[in-house]
Amino acid sequence: MYIALLTYTAPETEVDYALPDHSDWLRKQFTKGVFLVSGKGNGATDHVILTRSVLRGKLDAVLASDPFVIRRLARYEVIEFTATRTAQELLAINEALAS
């Protein structure tokens, strides 16, 4: 699984103009099943996304297609991890334990 941390690289007033396109892009990734959770972060990280376990190259391509990234308004840092403990409610999304 991955945690993708989105950090704005442009003023928030510029980011706001691309927000509708970014929201549509997020919705598509949830529909495709790539993203599991997203939300606003605190501090320098402006957005946090928890993703399914996919090939890293595929995830990099998905993140590169974010309108914020295309317009050079933000960048991603990706943290890969293997979930070893999962709350009962989330067992279905932990591929390591579900298989």
C-alpha atoms as a PDB file:
ATOM      1  CA  MET A   1       0.000   0.000   0.000  1.00  0.00           C
ATOM      2  CA  TYR A   2       1.041   3.604  -0.340  1.00  0.00           C
ATOM      3  CA  ILE A   3       0.549   6.930   1.325  1.00  0.00           C
ATOM      4  CA  ALA A   4       0.786   9.792  -1.166  1.00  0.00           C
ATOM      5  CA  LEU A   5       1.490  13.179   0.386  1.00  0.00           C
ATOM      6  CA  LEU A   6       0.565  16.131  -1.805  1.00  0.00           C
ATOM      7  CA  THR A   7       2.336  19.426  -1.156  1.00  0.00           C
ATOM      8  CA  TYR A   8       1.386  22.628  -2.905  1.00  0.00           C
ATOM      9  CA  THR A   9       4.224  24.313  -4.775  1.00  0.00           C
ATOM     10  CA  ALA A  10       2.175  27.352  -5.800  1.00  0.00           C
ATOM     11  CA  PRO A  11       0.105  29.864  -3.835  1.00  0.00           C
ATOM     12  CA  GLU A  12      -3.237  28.496  -2.710  1.00  0.00           C
ATOM     13  CA  THR A  13      -5.046  31.141  -4.785  1.00  0.00           C
ATOM     14  CA  GLU A  14      -3.549  29.533  -7.928  1.00  0.00           C
ATOM     15  CA  VAL A  15      -4.343  26.031  -6.674  1.00  0.00           C
ATOM     16  CA  ASP A  16      -7.995  27.005  -6.152  1.00  0.00           C
ATOM     17  CA  TYR A  17      -8.462  27.532  -9.902  1.00  0.00           C
ATOM     18  CA  ALA A  18      -7.490  23.909 -10.599  1.00  0.00           C
ATOM     19  CA  LEU A  19      -9.490  22.465  -7.694  1.00  0.00           C
ATOM     20  CA  PRO A  20     -12.537  21.381  -9.768  1.00  0.00           C
ATOM     21  CA  ASP A  21     -10.289  19.417 -12.159  1.00  0.00           C
ATOM     22  CA  HIS A  22      -8.374  17.887  -9.243  1.00  0.00           C
ATOM     23  CA  SER A  23     -11.666  16.878  -7.574  1.00  0.00           C
ATOM     24  CA  ASP A  24     -12.844  15.179 -10.784  1.00  0.00           C
ATOM     25  CA  TRP A  25      -9.498  13.369 -11.042  1.00  0.00           C
ATOM     26  CA  LEU A  26      -9.784  12.176  -7.414  1.00  0.00           C
ATOM     27  CA  ARG A  27     -13.312  10.912  -8.045  1.00  0.00           C
ATOM     28  CA  LYS A  28     -12.094   8.891 -11.048  1.00  0.00           C
ATOM     29  CA  GLN A  29      -9.304   7.277  -9.019  1.00  0.00           C
ATOM     30  CA  PHE A  30     -11.780   6.258  -6.303  1.00  0.00           C
ATOM     31  CA  THR A  31     -14.125   4.841  -8.966  1.00  0.00           C
ATOM     32  CA  LYS A  32     -11.238   2.844 -10.467  1.00  0.00           C
ATOM     33  CA  GLY A  33     -10.441   1.496  -6.984  1.00  0.00           C
ATOM     34  CA  VAL A  34      -6.908   2.914  -6.845  1.00  0.00           C
ATOM     35  CA  PHE A  35      -7.544   5.333  -3.957  1.00  0.00           C
ATOM     36  CA  LEU A  36      -9.024   4.259  -0.633  1.00  0.00           C
ATOM     37  CA  VAL A  37      -8.987   7.417   1.513  1.00  0.00           C
ATOM     38  CA  SER A  38      -8.108  11.048   0.917  1.00  0.00           C
ATOM     39  CA  GLY A  39      -8.242  14.200   2.955  1.00  0.00           C
ATOM     40  CA  LYS A  40      -6.737  17.507   3.914  1.00  0.00           C
ATOM     41  CA  GLY A  41      -3.491  17.379   5.843  1.00  0.00           C
ATOM     42  CA  ASN A  42      -1.911  19.770   8.315  1.00  0.00           C
ATOM     43  CA  GLY A  43       1.193  21.878   7.833  1.00  0.00           C
ATOM     44  CA  ALA A  44       3.275  21.550   4.667  1.00  0.00           C
ATOM     45  CA  THR A  45       1.341  18.510   3.460  1.00  0.00           C
ATOM     46  CA  ASP A  46      -1.877  19.762   1.996  1.00  0.00           C
ATOM     47  CA  HIS A  47      -3.469  16.464   1.040  1.00  0.00           C
ATOM     48  CA  VAL A  48      -3.040  12.822   2.052  1.00  0.00           C
ATOM     49  CA  ILE A  49      -4.113   9.836  -0.051  1.00  0.00           C
ATOM     50  CA  LEU A  50      -4.091   6.178   0.994  1.00  0.00           C
ATOM     51  CA  THR A  51      -3.922   3.885  -2.029  1.00  0.00           C
ATOM     52  CA  ARG A  52      -4.320   0.218  -2.753  1.00  0.00           C
ATOM     53  CA  SER A  53      -1.293  -1.908  -3.427  1.00  0.00           C
ATOM     54  CA  VAL A  54      -0.578  -1.394  -7.143  1.00  0.00           C
ATOM     55  CA  LEU A  55       2.607  -1.507  -9.169  1.00  0.00           C
ATOM     56  CA  ARG A  56       4.681   1.541  -8.256  1.00  0.00           C
ATOM     57  CA  GLY A  57       4.988   2.566 -11.896  1.00  0.00           C
ATOM     58  CA  LYS A  58       1.207   2.562 -12.236  1.00  0.00           C
ATOM     59  CA  LEU A  59       0.827   4.708  -9.124  1.00  0.00           C
ATOM     60  CA  ASP A  60       3.485   7.140 -10.372  1.00  0.00           C
ATOM     61  CA  ALA A  61       1.592   7.443 -13.678  1.00  0.00           C
ATOM     62  CA  VAL A  62      -1.701   8.043 -11.863  1.00  0.00           C
ATOM     63  CA  LEU A  63      -0.182  10.739  -9.651  1.00  0.00           C
ATOM     64  CA  ALA A  64       1.510  12.368 -12.648  1.00  0.00           C
ATOM     65  CA  SER A  65      -1.933  12.725 -14.246  1.00  0.00           C
ATOM     66  CA  ASP A  66      -3.223  14.888 -11.374  1.00  0.00           C
ATOM     67  CA  PRO A  67      -4.140  18.325 -12.787  1.00  0.00           C
ATOM     68  CA  PHE A  68      -2.245  19.913  -9.884  1.00  0.00           C
ATOM     69  CA  VAL A  69       0.926  18.109 -10.982  1.00  0.00           C
ATOM     70  CA  ILE A  70       0.380  18.739 -14.693  1.00  0.00           C
ATOM     71  CA  ARG A  71       0.013  22.475 -13.975  1.00  0.00           C
ATOM     72  CA  ARG A  72       3.028  22.391 -11.615  1.00  0.00           C
ATOM     73  CA  LEU A  73       0.937  23.504  -8.660  1.00  0.00           C
ATOM     74  CA  ALA A  74       1.871  20.567  -6.426  1.00  0.00           C
ATOM     75  CA  ARG A  75       4.132  17.550  -6.031  1.00  0.00           C
ATOM     76  CA  TYR A  76       3.756  14.134  -4.424  1.00  0.00           C
ATOM     77  CA  GLU A  77       5.911  12.243  -1.974  1.00  0.00           C
ATOM     78  CA  VAL A  78       5.063   8.541  -1.852  1.00  0.00           C
ATOM     79  CA  ILE A  79       5.586   6.283   1.144  1.00  0.00           C
ATOM     80  CA  GLU A  80       5.284   2.558   0.511  1.00  0.00           C
ATOM     81  CA  PHE A  81       4.334   0.283   3.384  1.00  0.00           C
ATOM     82  CA  THR A  82       3.059  -3.184   4.120  1.00  0.00           C
ATOM     83  CA  ALA A  83       0.085  -3.192   6.451  1.00  0.00           C
ATOM     84  CA  THR A  84       0.627  -5.855   9.094  1.00  0.00           C
ATOM     85  CA  ARG A  85      -2.300  -4.975  11.343  1.00  0.00           C
ATOM     86  CA  THR A  86      -5.697  -3.820  10.201  1.00  0.00           C
ATOM     87  CA  ALA A  87      -8.915  -2.872  11.978  1.00  0.00           C
ATOM     88  CA  GLN A  88     -11.707  -5.375  11.424  1.00  0.00           C
ATOM     89  CA  GLU A  89     -13.665  -2.853   9.346  1.00  0.00           C
ATOM     90  CA  LEU A  90     -10.759  -2.475   6.896  1.00  0.00           C
ATOM     91  CA  LEU A  91      -9.641  -6.089   6.423  1.00  0.00           C
ATOM     92  CA  ALA A  92     -11.086  -6.210   2.901  1.00  0.00           C
ATOM     93  CA  ILE A  93      -8.708  -3.479   1.701  1.00  0.00           C
ATOM     94  CA  ASN A  94      -5.574  -5.067   3.158  1.00  0.00           C
ATOM     95  CA  GLU A  95      -4.499  -7.333   0.316  1.00  0.00           C
ATOM     96  CA  ALA A  96      -1.658  -8.789   2.385  1.00  0.00           C
ATOM     97  CA  LEU A  97      -4.105 -10.204   4.934  1.00  0.00           C
ATOM     98  CA  ALA A  98      -7.060 -10.837   2.617  1.00  0.00           C
ATOM     99  CA  SER A  99      -5.235 -13.317   0.401  1.00  0.00           C
END
